PDB file of N, CA and C in Angstrom:
ATOM      1  N   UNK A   1      92.296  85.237  90.796  1.00  0.00           N
ATOM      2  CA  UNK A   1      92.751  86.279  90.010  1.00  0.00           C
ATOM      3  C   UNK A   1      94.211  85.979  89.559  1.00  0.00           C
ATOM      4  N   UNK A   2      94.456  86.541  88.369  1.00  0.00           N
ATOM      5  CA  UNK A   2      95.810  86.338  87.919  1.00  0.00           C
ATOM      6  C   UNK A   2      96.766  87.586  88.393  1.00  0.00           C
ATOM      7  N   UNK A   3      98.070  87.348  88.361  1.00  0.00           N
ATOM      8  CA  UNK A   3      99.006  88.323  88.983  1.00  0.00           C
ATOM      9  C   UNK A   3      98.775  89.649  88.507  1.00  0.00           C
ATOM     10  N   UNK A   4      98.430  89.937  87.196  1.00  0.00           N
ATOM     11  CA  UNK A   4      98.226  91.252  86.796  1.00  0.00           C
ATOM     12  C   UNK A   4      97.037  92.015  87.477  1.00  0.00           C
ATOM     13  N   UNK A   5      95.979  91.411  87.783  1.00  0.00           N
ATOM     14  CA  UNK A   5      95.004  91.736  88.637  1.00  0.00           C
ATOM     15  C   UNK A   5      95.385  92.087  89.998  1.00  0.00           C
ATOM     16  N   UNK A   6      96.072  91.155  90.639  1.00  0.00           N
ATOM     17  CA  UNK A   6      96.679  91.265  91.972  1.00  0.00           C
ATOM     18  C   UNK A   6      97.522  92.532  92.059  1.00  0.00           C
ATOM     19  N   UNK A   7      98.442  92.640  91.077  1.00  0.00           N
ATOM     20  CA  UNK A   7      99.197  93.832  90.947  1.00  0.00           C
ATOM     21  C   UNK A   7      98.542  95.214  91.028  1.00  0.00           C
ATOM     22  N   UNK A   8      97.574  95.285  90.134  1.00  0.00           N
ATOM     23  CA  UNK A   8      96.663  96.506  90.078  1.00  0.00           C
ATOM     24  C   UNK A   8      95.957  96.825  91.415  1.00  0.00           C
ATOM     25  N   UNK A   9      95.400  95.641  92.012  1.00  0.00           N
ATOM     26  CA  UNK A   9      94.673  95.868  93.177  1.00  0.00           C
ATOM     27  C   UNK A   9      95.484  96.278  94.273  1.00  0.00           C
ATOM     28  N   UNK A  10      96.782  95.972  94.232  1.00  0.00           N
ATOM     29  CA  UNK A  10      97.678  96.225  95.503  1.00  0.00           C
ATOM     30  C   UNK A  10      98.688  97.269  95.128  1.00  0.00           C
ATOM     31  N   UNK A  11      98.616  97.805  93.975  1.00  0.00           N
ATOM     32  CA  UNK A  11      99.638  98.749  93.417  1.00  0.00           C
ATOM     33  C   UNK A  11     101.111  98.158  93.680  1.00  0.00           C
ATOM     34  N   UNK A  12     101.268  96.961  93.326  1.00  0.00           N
ATOM     35  CA  UNK A  12     102.662  96.472  93.568  1.00  0.00           C
ATOM     36  C   UNK A  12     103.064  95.891  92.244  1.00  0.00           C
ATOM     37  N   UNK A  13     104.269  96.011  91.914  1.00  0.00           N
ATOM     38  CA  UNK A  13     104.768  95.474  90.542  1.00  0.00           C
ATOM     39  C   UNK A  13     104.798  93.909  90.528  1.00  0.00           C
ATOM     40  N   UNK A  14     104.406  93.470  89.359  1.00  0.00           N
ATOM     41  CA  UNK A  14     104.273  91.952  89.140  1.00  0.00           C
ATOM     42  C   UNK A  14     105.744  91.419  89.365  1.00  0.00           C
ATOM     43  N   UNK A  15     106.825  91.882  89.266  1.00  0.00           N
ATOM     44  CA  UNK A  15     108.168  91.298  89.497  1.00  0.00           C
ATOM     45  C   UNK A  15     108.382  91.342  91.037  1.00  0.00           C
ATOM     46  N   UNK A  16     107.827  92.277  91.737  1.00  0.00           N
ATOM     47  CA  UNK A  16     107.879  92.333  93.208  1.00  0.00           C
ATOM     48  C   UNK A  16     106.879  91.107  93.694  1.00  0.00           C
ATOM     49  N   UNK A  17     105.839  90.961  93.178  1.00  0.00           N
ATOM     50  CA  UNK A  17     105.072  89.870  93.589  1.00  0.00           C
ATOM     51  C   UNK A  17     105.628  88.494  93.355  1.00  0.00           C
ATOM     52  N   UNK A  18     106.288  88.396  92.236  1.00  0.00           N
ATOM     53  CA  UNK A  18     107.062  87.055  92.022  1.00  0.00           C
ATOM     54  C   UNK A  18     108.170  86.930  92.948  1.00  0.00           C
ATOM     55  N   UNK A  19     108.976  87.922  93.307  1.00  0.00           N
ATOM     56  CA  UNK A  19     110.016  88.076  94.180  1.00  0.00           C
ATOM     57  C   UNK A  19     109.486  87.528  95.587  1.00  0.00           C
ATOM     58  N   UNK A  20     108.355  88.177  96.057  1.00  0.00           N
ATOM     59  CA  UNK A  20     107.759  87.729  97.328  1.00  0.00           C
ATOM     60  C   UNK A  20     107.140  86.274  97.277  1.00  0.00           C
ATOM     61  N   UNK A  21     106.758  85.827  96.198  1.00  0.00           N
ATOM     62  CA  UNK A  21     106.377  84.461  96.006  1.00  0.00           C
ATOM     63  C   UNK A  21     107.652  83.464  96.123  1.00  0.00           C
ATOM     64  N   UNK A  22     108.744  83.881  95.489  1.00  0.00           N
ATOM     65  CA  UNK A  22     109.916  83.183  95.613  1.00  0.00           C
ATOM     66  C   UNK A  22     110.500  82.972  96.990  1.00  0.00           C
ATOM     67  N   UNK A  23     110.313  84.233  97.741  1.00  0.00           N
ATOM     68  CA  UNK A  23     110.797  84.220  99.203  1.00  0.00           C
ATOM     69  C   UNK A  23     109.724  83.478 100.207  1.00  0.00           C
ATOM     70  N   UNK A  24     108.772  82.928  99.591  1.00  0.00           N
ATOM     71  CA  UNK A  24     107.659  82.251 100.317  1.00  0.00           C
ATOM     72  C   UNK A  24     106.871  83.167 101.340  1.00  0.00           C
ATOM     73  N   UNK A  25     106.740  84.413 101.007  1.00  0.00           N
ATOM     74  CA  UNK A  25     105.989  85.460 101.630  1.00  0.00           C
ATOM     75  C   UNK A  25     104.531  85.354 101.207  1.00  0.00           C
ATOM     76  N   UNK A  26     104.286  85.058  99.975  1.00  0.00           N
ATOM     77  CA  UNK A  26     103.002  84.885  99.543  1.00  0.00           C
ATOM     78  C   UNK A  26     102.875  83.616  98.588  1.00  0.00           C
ATOM     79  N   UNK A  27     101.726  83.078  98.179  1.00  0.00           N
ATOM     80  CA  UNK A  27     101.795  82.054  97.311  1.00  0.00           C
ATOM     81  C   UNK A  27     100.322  81.991  96.563  1.00  0.00           C
ATOM     82  N   UNK A  28     100.278  81.368  95.428  1.00  0.00           N
ATOM     83  CA  UNK A  28      99.122  81.170  94.716  1.00  0.00           C
ATOM     84  C   UNK A  28      98.588  79.895  95.166  1.00  0.00           C
ATOM     85  N   UNK A  29      97.291  79.810  95.226  1.00  0.00           N
ATOM     86  CA  UNK A  29      96.402  78.716  95.746  1.00  0.00           C
ATOM     87  C   UNK A  29      96.349  77.689  94.554  1.00  0.00           C
ATOM     88  N   UNK A  30      96.343  78.059  93.410  1.00  0.00           N
ATOM     89  CA  UNK A  30      95.908  77.161  92.361  1.00  0.00           C
ATOM     90  C   UNK A  30      96.694  77.633  91.082  1.00  0.00           C
ATOM     91  N   UNK A  31      96.391  76.952  89.921  1.00  0.00           N
ATOM     92  CA  UNK A  31      96.829  77.282  88.544  1.00  0.00           C
ATOM     93  C   UNK A  31      95.703  77.004  87.720  1.00  0.00           C
ATOM     94  N   UNK A  32      95.586  77.983  86.686  1.00  0.00           N
ATOM     95  CA  UNK A  32      94.542  78.039  85.669  1.00  0.00           C
ATOM     96  C   UNK A  32      94.781  77.006  84.771  1.00  0.00           C
ATOM     97  N   UNK A  33      93.833  76.667  83.665  1.00  0.00           N
ATOM     98  CA  UNK A  33      93.967  75.781  82.725  1.00  0.00           C
ATOM     99  C   UNK A  33      95.221  76.192  81.836  1.00  0.00           C
ATOM    100  N   UNK A  34      95.524  77.354  81.653  1.00  0.00           N
ATOM    101  CA  UNK A  34      96.672  77.706  80.948  1.00  0.00           C
ATOM    102  C   UNK A  34      97.918  77.925  81.822  1.00  0.00           C
ATOM    103  N   UNK A  35      97.738  77.321  82.918  1.00  0.00           N
ATOM    104  CA  UNK A  35      98.917  77.146  83.903  1.00  0.00           C
ATOM    105  C   UNK A  35      99.450  78.530  84.493  1.00  0.00           C
ATOM    106  N   UNK A  36      98.454  79.497  84.597  1.00  0.00           N
ATOM    107  CA  UNK A  36      98.878  80.771  85.037  1.00  0.00           C
ATOM    108  C   UNK A  36      98.509  80.634  86.767  1.00  0.00           C
ATOM    109  N   UNK A  37      99.228  81.331  87.436  1.00  0.00           N
ATOM    110  CA  UNK A  37      99.058  81.216  88.945  1.00  0.00           C
ATOM    111  C   UNK A  37      97.757  82.003  89.311  1.00  0.00           C
ATOM    112  N   UNK A  38      96.904  81.473  90.078  1.00  0.00           N
ATOM    113  CA  UNK A  38      95.735  82.061  90.655  1.00  0.00           C
ATOM    114  C   UNK A  38      95.791  82.327  91.929  1.00  0.00           C
ATOM    115  N   UNK A  39      95.608  83.670  92.329  1.00  0.00           N
ATOM    116  CA  UNK A  39      95.575  84.172  93.660  1.00  0.00           C
ATOM    117  C   UNK A  39      94.324  84.492  94.254  1.00  0.00           C
ATOM    118  N   UNK A  40      94.123  84.575  95.483  1.00  0.00           N
ATOM    119  CA  UNK A  40      92.851  84.794  96.192  1.00  0.00           C
ATOM    120  C   UNK A  40      92.968  85.908  97.064  1.00  0.00           C
ATOM    121  N   UNK A  41      91.840  86.279  97.795  1.00  0.00           N
ATOM    122  CA  UNK A  41      91.897  87.393  98.676  1.00  0.00           C
ATOM    123  C   UNK A  41      92.876  87.426  99.697  1.00  0.00           C
ATOM    124  N   UNK A  42      93.348  86.214 100.297  1.00  0.00           N
ATOM    125  CA  UNK A  42      94.426  85.993 101.207  1.00  0.00           C
ATOM    126  C   UNK A  42      95.680  86.543 100.747  1.00  0.00           C
ATOM    127  N   UNK A  43      95.928  86.312  99.393  1.00  0.00           N
ATOM    128  CA  UNK A  43      97.205  86.804  98.782  1.00  0.00           C
ATOM    129  C   UNK A  43      97.016  88.362  98.715  1.00  0.00           C
ATOM    130  N   UNK A  44      96.023  88.933  98.609  1.00  0.00           N
ATOM    131  CA  UNK A  44      95.926  90.493  98.411  1.00  0.00           C
ATOM    132  C   UNK A  44      96.111  90.991  99.930  1.00  0.00           C
ATOM    133  N   UNK A  45      95.453  90.328 100.869  1.00  0.00           N
ATOM    134  CA  UNK A  45      95.756  90.799 102.210  1.00  0.00           C
ATOM    135  C   UNK A  45      97.152  90.632 102.803  1.00  0.00           C
ATOM    136  N   UNK A  46      97.785  89.485 102.296  1.00  0.00           N
ATOM    137  CA  UNK A  46      99.163  89.543 102.666  1.00  0.00           C
ATOM    138  C   UNK A  46     100.086  90.366 102.048  1.00  0.00           C
ATOM    139  N   UNK A  47      99.879  90.579 100.811  1.00  0.00           N
ATOM    140  CA  UNK A  47     100.765  91.543 100.020  1.00  0.00           C
ATOM    141  C   UNK A  47     100.522  92.975 100.539  1.00  0.00           C
ATOM    142  N   UNK A  48      99.190  93.381 100.891  1.00  0.00           N
ATOM    143  CA  UNK A  48      99.102  94.782 101.701  1.00  0.00           C
ATOM    144  C   UNK A  48      99.826  94.714 102.913  1.00  0.00           C
ATOM    145  N   UNK A  49      99.880  93.661 103.671  1.00  0.00           N
ATOM    146  CA  UNK A  49     100.521  93.643 104.844  1.00  0.00           C
ATOM    147  C   UNK A  49     102.032  93.770 104.725  1.00  0.00           C
ATOM    148  N   UNK A  50     102.645  93.062 103.727  1.00  0.00           N
ATOM    149  CA  UNK A  50     103.945  93.154 103.244  1.00  0.00           C
ATOM    150  C   UNK A  50     104.343  94.572 102.967  1.00  0.00           C
ATOM    151  N   UNK A  51     103.409  95.141 102.201  1.00  0.00           N
ATOM    152  CA  UNK A  51     103.808  96.490 101.695  1.00  0.00           C
ATOM    153  C   UNK A  51     104.027  97.392 102.960  1.00  0.00           C
ATOM    154  N   UNK A  52     102.911  97.329 103.946  1.00  0.00           N
ATOM    155  CA  UNK A  52     103.052  98.236 105.021  1.00  0.00           C
ATOM    156  C   UNK A  52     104.216  97.914 105.908  1.00  0.00           C
ATOM    157  N   UNK A  53     104.686  96.753 105.919  1.00  0.00           N
ATOM    158  CA  UNK A  53     105.999  96.313 106.548  1.00  0.00           C
ATOM    159  C   UNK A  53     107.149  96.865 105.965  1.00  0.00           C
ATOM    160  N   UNK A  54     107.153  96.836 104.682  1.00  0.00           N
ATOM    161  CA  UNK A  54     108.255  97.478 103.782  1.00  0.00           C
ATOM    162  C   UNK A  54     108.363  98.893 103.957  1.00  0.00           C
ATOM    163  N   UNK A  55     107.173  99.584 104.224  1.00  0.00           N
ATOM    164  CA  UNK A  55     107.082 101.028 104.376  1.00  0.00           C
ATOM    165  C   UNK A  55     107.732 101.422 105.643  1.00  0.00           C
ATOM    166  N   UNK A  56     107.669 100.572 106.588  1.00  0.00           N
ATOM    167  CA  UNK A  56     108.438 100.662 107.996  1.00  0.00           C
ATOM    168  C   UNK A  56     109.834 100.348 107.883  1.00  0.00           C
ATOM    169  N   UNK A  57     110.325  99.850 106.756  1.00  0.00           N
ATOM    170  CA  UNK A  57     111.666  99.469 106.519  1.00  0.00           C
ATOM    171  C   UNK A  57     112.002  98.096 107.125  1.00  0.00           C
ATOM    172  N   UNK A  58     111.212  97.407 107.506  1.00  0.00           N
ATOM    173  CA  UNK A  58     111.153  95.996 108.091  1.00  0.00           C
ATOM    174  C   UNK A  58     112.098  95.143 106.967  1.00  0.00           C
ATOM    175  N   UNK A  59     112.809  94.304 107.492  1.00  0.00           N
ATOM    176  CA  UNK A  59     113.528  93.311 106.717  1.00  0.00           C
ATOM    177  C   UNK A  59     112.663  92.212 106.302  1.00  0.00           C
ATOM    178  N   UNK A  60     113.166  91.522 105.237  1.00  0.00           N
ATOM    179  CA  UNK A  60     112.272  90.356 104.707  1.00  0.00           C
ATOM    180  C   UNK A  60     112.259  89.278 105.793  1.00  0.00           C
ATOM    181  N   UNK A  61     113.362  89.144 106.613  1.00  0.00           N
ATOM    182  CA  UNK A  61     113.269  88.053 107.533  1.00  0.00           C
ATOM    183  C   UNK A  61     112.372  88.423 108.700  1.00  0.00           C
ATOM    184  N   UNK A  62     112.274  89.738 109.059  1.00  0.00           N
ATOM    185  CA  UNK A  62     111.336  90.149 110.065  1.00  0.00           C
ATOM    186  C   UNK A  62     109.864  89.806 109.564  1.00  0.00           C
ATOM    187  N   UNK A  63     109.698  90.261 108.123  1.00  0.00           N
ATOM    188  CA  UNK A  63     108.360  90.379 107.672  1.00  0.00           C
ATOM    189  C   UNK A  63     107.966  88.603 107.650  1.00  0.00           C
ATOM    190  N   UNK A  64     108.838  87.892 107.313  1.00  0.00           N
ATOM    191  CA  UNK A  64     108.644  86.379 107.462  1.00  0.00           C
ATOM    192  C   UNK A  64     108.093  86.099 108.802  1.00  0.00           C
ATOM    193  N   UNK A  65     108.833  86.397 109.842  1.00  0.00           N
ATOM    194  CA  UNK A  65     108.577  86.124 111.314  1.00  0.00           C
ATOM    195  C   UNK A  65     107.157  86.779 111.593  1.00  0.00           C
ATOM    196  N   UNK A  66     106.836  87.991 111.201  1.00  0.00           N
ATOM    197  CA  UNK A  66     105.588  88.618 111.448  1.00  0.00           C
ATOM    198  C   UNK A  66     104.376  87.813 110.775  1.00  0.00           C
ATOM    199  N   UNK A  67     104.682  87.396 109.626  1.00  0.00           N
ATOM    200  CA  UNK A  67     103.715  86.481 108.838  1.00  0.00           C
ATOM    201  C   UNK A  67     103.342  85.221 109.612  1.00  0.00           C
ATOM    202  N   UNK A  68     104.477  84.708 109.955  1.00  0.00           N
ATOM    203  CA  UNK A  68     104.292  83.283 110.892  1.00  0.00           C
ATOM    204  C   UNK A  68     103.624  83.503 111.996  1.00  0.00           C
ATOM    205  N   UNK A  69     103.853  84.699 112.649  1.00  0.00           N
ATOM    206  CA  UNK A  69     103.193  85.013 113.984  1.00  0.00           C
ATOM    207  C   UNK A  69     101.732  85.269 113.599  1.00  0.00           C
ATOM    208  N   UNK A  70     101.455  85.938 112.599  1.00  0.00           N
ATOM    209  CA  UNK A  70     100.123  86.460 112.278  1.00  0.00           C
ATOM    210  C   UNK A  70      99.247  85.125 111.810  1.00  0.00           C
ATOM    211  N   UNK A  71      99.954  84.161 111.321  1.00  0.00           N
ATOM    212  CA  UNK A  71      99.339  82.910 110.848  1.00  0.00           C
ATOM    213  C   UNK A  71      99.102  82.108 112.275  1.00  0.00           C
ATOM    214  N   UNK A  72      99.658  82.290 113.242  1.00  0.00           N
ATOM    215  CA  UNK A  72      99.523  81.784 114.580  1.00  0.00           C
ATOM    216  C   UNK A  72      98.712  82.556 115.600  1.00  0.00           C
ATOM    217  N   UNK A  73      97.493  82.998 115.469  1.00  0.00           N
ATOM    218  CA  UNK A  73      96.835  83.991 116.210  1.00  0.00           C
ATOM    219  C   UNK A  73      96.843  83.737 117.686  1.00  0.00           C
ATOM    220  N   UNK A  74      96.991  82.655 118.297  1.00  0.00           N
ATOM    221  CA  UNK A  74      97.082  82.324 119.582  1.00  0.00           C
ATOM    222  C   UNK A  74      98.523  82.505 120.199  1.00  0.00           C
ATOM    223  N   UNK A  75      99.557  82.815 119.314  1.00  0.00           N
ATOM    224  CA  UNK A  75     100.784  82.944 119.811  1.00  0.00           C
ATOM    225  C   UNK A  75     100.940  84.315 120.572  1.00  0.00           C
ATOM    226  N   UNK A  76     102.016  84.315 121.450  1.00  0.00           N
ATOM    227  CA  UNK A  76     102.170  85.546 122.340  1.00  0.00           C
ATOM    228  C   UNK A  76     102.673  86.820 121.438  1.00  0.00           C
ATOM    229  N   UNK A  77     102.114  87.802 121.861  1.00  0.00           N
ATOM    230  CA  UNK A  77     102.183  89.046 121.060  1.00  0.00           C
ATOM    231  C   UNK A  77     103.696  89.746 121.503  1.00  0.00           C
ATOM    232  N   UNK A  78     104.459  89.183 122.551  1.00  0.00           N
ATOM    233  CA  UNK A  78     105.580  89.760 122.940  1.00  0.00           C
ATOM    234  C   UNK A  78     106.659  89.712 121.866  1.00  0.00           C
ATOM    235  N   UNK A  79     106.768  88.656 121.066  1.00  0.00           N
ATOM    236  CA  UNK A  79     107.630  88.638 120.053  1.00  0.00           C
ATOM    237  C   UNK A  79     107.456  89.820 119.047  1.00  0.00           C
ATOM    238  N   UNK A  80     106.276  90.082 118.748  1.00  0.00           N
ATOM    239  CA  UNK A  80     106.096  91.251 117.901  1.00  0.00           C
ATOM    240  C   UNK A  80     106.588  92.439 118.463  1.00  0.00           C
ATOM    241  N   UNK A  81     106.241  92.806 119.704  1.00  0.00           N
ATOM    242  CA  UNK A  81     106.646  94.137 120.534  1.00  0.00           C
ATOM    243  C   UNK A  81     108.060  94.048 120.561  1.00  0.00           C
ATOM    244  N   UNK A  82     108.725  92.995 120.753  1.00  0.00           N
ATOM    245  CA  UNK A  82     110.453  92.926 121.021  1.00  0.00           C
ATOM    246  C   UNK A  82     111.013  93.222 119.596  1.00  0.00           C
ATOM    247  N   UNK A  83     110.393  92.693 118.450  1.00  0.00           N
ATOM    248  CA  UNK A  83     111.082  92.860 117.033  1.00  0.00           C
ATOM    249  C   UNK A  83     110.726  94.408 116.842  1.00  0.00           C
ATOM    250  N   UNK A  84     109.520  95.026 116.922  1.00  0.00           N
ATOM    251  CA  UNK A  84     109.487  96.364 116.894  1.00  0.00           C
ATOM    252  C   UNK A  84     110.422  97.335 117.614  1.00  0.00           C
ATOM    253  N   UNK A  85     110.513  96.962 118.945  1.00  0.00           N
ATOM    254  CA  UNK A  85     111.507  97.664 119.833  1.00  0.00           C
ATOM    255  C   UNK A  85     112.947  97.571 119.263  1.00  0.00           C
ATOM    256  N   UNK A  86     113.310  96.454 118.654  1.00  0.00           N
ATOM    257  CA  UNK A  86     114.662  96.377 118.081  1.00  0.00           C
ATOM    258  C   UNK A  86     114.804  97.316 116.898  1.00  0.00           C
ATOM    259  N   UNK A  87     113.703  97.276 116.125  1.00  0.00           N
ATOM    260  CA  UNK A  87     113.798  98.024 115.007  1.00  0.00           C
ATOM    261  C   UNK A  87     113.691  99.356 115.435  1.00  0.00           C
ATOM    262  N   UNK A  88     112.953  99.895 116.296  1.00  0.00           N
ATOM    263  CA  UNK A  88     113.165 101.182 116.641  1.00  0.00           C
ATOM    264  C   UNK A  88     114.435 101.652 117.258  1.00  0.00           C
ATOM    265  N   UNK A  89     115.052 100.803 117.997  1.00  0.00           N
ATOM    266  CA  UNK A  89     116.350 101.000 118.538  1.00  0.00           C
ATOM    267  C   UNK A  89     117.468 101.313 117.161  1.00  0.00           C
ATOM    268  N   UNK A  90     117.170 100.619 115.971  1.00  0.00           N
ATOM    269  CA  UNK A  90     117.903 100.781 114.869  1.00  0.00           C
ATOM    270  C   UNK A  90     117.647 102.180 114.214  1.00  0.00           C
ATOM    271  N   UNK A  91     116.328 102.499 114.313  1.00  0.00           N
ATOM    272  CA  UNK A  91     116.009 103.739 113.742  1.00  0.00           C
ATOM    273  C   UNK A  91     116.534 105.014 114.563  1.00  0.00           C
ATOM    274  N   UNK A  92     116.574 104.873 115.810  1.00  0.00           N
ATOM    275  CA  UNK A  92     117.192 105.939 116.625  1.00  0.00           C
ATOM    276  C   UNK A  92     118.751 105.994 116.339  1.00  0.00           C
ATOM    277  N   UNK A  93     119.267 104.805 116.286  1.00  0.00           N
ATOM    278  CA  UNK A  93     120.759 104.771 115.798  1.00  0.00           C
ATOM    279  C   UNK A  93     121.102 105.385 114.466  1.00  0.00           C
ATOM    280  N   UNK A  94     120.189 105.085 113.413  1.00  0.00           N
ATOM    281  CA  UNK A  94     120.341 105.869 112.147  1.00  0.00           C
ATOM    282  C   UNK A  94     120.052 107.296 112.272  1.00  0.00           C
ATOM    283  N   UNK A  95     119.041 107.816 113.093  1.00  0.00           N
ATOM    284  CA  UNK A  95     118.951 109.078 113.264  1.00  0.00           C
ATOM    285  C   UNK A  95     120.158 109.909 113.781  1.00  0.00           C
ATOM    286  N   UNK A  96     120.695 109.239 114.855  1.00  0.00           N
ATOM    287  CA  UNK A  96     122.074 109.744 115.387  1.00  0.00           C
ATOM    288  C   UNK A  96     123.165 109.769 114.415  1.00  0.00           C
ATOM    289  N   UNK A  97     123.263 108.847 113.612  1.00  0.00           N
ATOM    290  CA  UNK A  97     124.253 108.737 112.641  1.00  0.00           C
ATOM    291  C   UNK A  97     124.015 109.885 111.647  1.00  0.00           C
ATOM    292  N   UNK A  98     122.808 109.974 111.220  1.00  0.00           N
ATOM    293  CA  UNK A  98     122.424 111.135 110.182  1.00  0.00           C
ATOM    294  C   UNK A  98     122.653 112.530 110.755  1.00  0.00           C
ATOM    295  N   UNK A  99     122.338 112.718 112.013  1.00  0.00           N
ATOM    296  CA  UNK A  99     122.602 114.092 112.681  1.00  0.00           C
ATOM    297  C   UNK A  99     124.037 114.255 112.703  1.00  0.00           C
ATOM    298  N   UNK A 100     125.020 113.332 113.026  1.00  0.00           N
ATOM    299  CA  UNK A 100     126.409 113.602 113.043  1.00  0.00           C
ATOM    300  C   UNK A 100     126.801 113.982 111.564  1.00  0.00           C
ATOM    301  N   UNK A 101     126.296 113.133 110.416  1.00  0.00           N
ATOM    302  CA  UNK A 101     126.638 113.446 109.149  1.00  0.00           C
ATOM    303  C   UNK A 101     126.181 114.896 108.834  1.00  0.00           C
ATOM    304  N   UNK A 102     124.995 115.268 109.263  1.00  0.00           N
ATOM    305  CA  UNK A 102     124.647 116.673 109.042  1.00  0.00           C
ATOM    306  C   UNK A 102     125.413 117.671 109.524  1.00  0.00           C
ATOM    307  N   UNK A 103     125.861 117.452 110.775  1.00  0.00           N
ATOM    308  CA  UNK A 103     126.870 118.534 111.276  1.00  0.00           C
ATOM    309  C   UNK A 103     128.085 118.441 110.661  1.00  0.00           C
ATOM    310  N   UNK A 104     128.716 117.253 110.138  1.00  0.00           N
ATOM    311  CA  UNK A 104     129.821 117.327 109.348  1.00  0.00           C
ATOM    312  C   UNK A 104     129.624 118.197 108.170  1.00  0.00           C
ATOM    313  N   UNK A 105     128.548 117.781 107.467  1.00  0.00           N
ATOM    314  CA  UNK A 105     128.357 118.695 106.234  1.00  0.00           C
ATOM    315  C   UNK A 105     128.239 120.186 106.374  1.00  0.00           C
ATOM    316  N   UNK A 106     127.461 120.492 107.440  1.00  0.00           N
ATOM    317  CA  UNK A 106     127.421 121.892 107.810  1.00  0.00           C
ATOM    318  C   UNK A 106     128.661 122.518 108.136  1.00  0.00           C
ATOM    319  N   UNK A 107     129.592 121.858 108.759  1.00  0.00           N
ATOM    320  CA  UNK A 107     130.914 122.374 108.906  1.00  0.00           C
ATOM    321  C   UNK A 107     131.807 122.511 107.757  1.00  0.00           C
ATOM    322  N   UNK A 108     131.542 121.445 106.767  1.00  0.00           N
ATOM    323  CA  UNK A 108     132.338 121.612 105.528  1.00  0.00           C
ATOM    324  C   UNK A 108     131.726 122.804 104.717  1.00  0.00           C
ATOM    325  N   UNK A 109     130.429 122.975 104.707  1.00  0.00           N
ATOM    326  CA  UNK A 109     129.845 124.147 104.057  1.00  0.00           C
ATOM    327  C   UNK A 109     130.250 125.409 104.470  1.00  0.00           C
ATOM    328  N   UNK A 110     130.627 125.661 105.697  1.00  0.00           N
ATOM    329  CA  UNK A 110     130.894 126.862 106.159  1.00  0.00           C
ATOM    330  C   UNK A 110     132.545 127.154 105.789  1.00  0.00           C
ATOM    331  N   UNK A 111     133.089 126.067 105.411  1.00  0.00           N
ATOM    332  CA  UNK A 111     134.480 126.253 104.863  1.00  0.00           C
ATOM    333  C   UNK A 111     134.711 126.886 103.345  1.00  0.00           C
ATOM    334  N   UNK A 112     133.531 127.133 102.910  1.00  0.00           N
ATOM    335  CA  UNK A 112     133.724 127.671 101.511  1.00  0.00           C
ATOM    336  C   UNK A 112     132.643 128.843 101.223  1.00  0.00           C
ATOM    337  N   UNK A 113     132.994 129.752 100.470  1.00  0.00           N
ATOM    338  CA  UNK A 113     132.203 130.637 100.099  1.00  0.00           C
ATOM    339  C   UNK A 113     132.074 130.888  98.543  1.00  0.00           C
ATOM    340  N   UNK A 114     131.102 131.427  98.109  1.00  0.00           N
ATOM    341  CA  UNK A 114     130.873 131.624  96.603  1.00  0.00           C
ATOM    342  C   UNK A 114     132.008 132.387  96.099  1.00  0.00           C
ATOM    343  N   UNK A 115     132.110 132.413  94.783  1.00  0.00           N
ATOM    344  CA  UNK A 115     132.944 133.309  94.021  1.00  0.00           C
ATOM    345  C   UNK A 115     134.459 132.945  93.964  1.00  0.00           C
ATOM    346  N   UNK A 116     134.762 131.787  94.499  1.00  0.00           N
ATOM    347  CA  UNK A 116     136.200 131.471  94.706  1.00  0.00           C
ATOM    348  C   UNK A 116     136.419 130.420  93.598  1.00  0.00           C
ATOM    349  N   UNK A 117     137.655 130.271  93.250  1.00  0.00           N
ATOM    350  CA  UNK A 117     138.145 129.256  92.221  1.00  0.00           C
ATOM    351  C   UNK A 117     138.206 127.895  92.967  1.00  0.00           C
ATOM    352  N   UNK A 118     138.014 126.839  92.308  1.00  0.00           N
ATOM    353  CA  UNK A 118     138.104 125.444  92.884  1.00  0.00           C
ATOM    354  C   UNK A 118     139.519 125.344  93.587  1.00  0.00           C
ATOM    355  N   UNK A 119     140.560 125.883  93.178  1.00  0.00           N
ATOM    356  CA  UNK A 119     141.812 125.763  93.813  1.00  0.00           C
ATOM    357  C   UNK A 119     141.660 126.432  95.205  1.00  0.00           C
ATOM    358  N   UNK A 120     140.918 127.370  95.515  1.00  0.00           N
ATOM    359  CA  UNK A 120     140.647 127.861  96.766  1.00  0.00           C
ATOM    360  C   UNK A 120     139.517 127.402  97.572  1.00  0.00           C
ATOM    361  N   UNK A 121     138.918 126.280  97.091  1.00  0.00           N
ATOM    362  CA  UNK A 121     137.530 125.693  97.785  1.00  0.00           C
ATOM    363  C   UNK A 121     138.007 125.107  99.106  1.00  0.00           C
ATOM    364  N   UNK A 122     137.465 125.608 100.163  1.00  0.00           N
ATOM    365  CA  UNK A 122     137.723 125.298 101.497  1.00  0.00           C
ATOM    366  C   UNK A 122     137.100 123.910 101.666  1.00  0.00           C
ATOM    367  N   UNK A 123     136.054 123.597 101.020  1.00  0.00           N
ATOM    368  CA  UNK A 123     135.503 122.099 101.177  1.00  0.00           C
ATOM    369  C   UNK A 123     136.428 121.101 100.766  1.00  0.00           C
ATOM    370  N   UNK A 124     136.894 121.333  99.440  1.00  0.00           N
ATOM    371  CA  UNK A 124     137.832 120.393  98.729  1.00  0.00           C
ATOM    372  C   UNK A 124     139.150 120.330  99.606  1.00  0.00           C
ATOM    373  N   UNK A 125     139.732 121.333 100.224  1.00  0.00           N
ATOM    374  CA  UNK A 125     140.918 121.465 101.085  1.00  0.00           C
ATOM    375  C   UNK A 125     140.497 120.450 102.304  1.00  0.00           C
ATOM    376  N   UNK A 126     139.404 120.753 102.923  1.00  0.00           N
ATOM    377  CA  UNK A 126     139.190 119.933 104.151  1.00  0.00           C
ATOM    378  C   UNK A 126     139.015 118.511 103.966  1.00  0.00           C
ATOM    379  N   UNK A 127     138.350 118.071 102.673  1.00  0.00           N
ATOM    380  CA  UNK A 127     138.313 116.698 102.331  1.00  0.00           C
ATOM    381  C   UNK A 127     139.642 115.926 102.124  1.00  0.00           C
ATOM    382  N   UNK A 128     140.518 116.830 101.681  1.00  0.00           N
ATOM    383  CA  UNK A 128     141.830 116.293 101.353  1.00  0.00           C
ATOM    384  C   UNK A 128     142.767 116.109 102.487  1.00  0.00           C
ATOM    385  N   UNK A 129     142.318 116.662 103.698  1.00  0.00           N
ATOM    386  CA  UNK A 129     143.220 116.508 104.943  1.00  0.00           C
ATOM    387  C   UNK A 129     142.635 115.305 105.822  1.00  0.00           C
TER     388      UNK A 129
END
């Protein structure tokens, strides 16, 4: 199948598919007589796998490693578990950072009430100090 059909089947933009191919995450198996890339079912499956990984906010390097492991079915699964554990630690850290940010914003918001002129805005005064 050509790239347009692959894009429709996987709901993925053509530019994204080309980017993933440039990054060696997917590849076309052949070229047509008109020199178009031809993709097979393996490309569909890899692209869906990549999309799921991106939805989990995994980096391209992590996805490359996961694809390499996926291509080595007899490899030890511990590497996959360790990668996910590291990613989960990062998520917990980001959640903590976002909680701290939320508290700061809530504190700022309490410094202002409606109906004031900007020169009396408690939020702007707090941001200036």
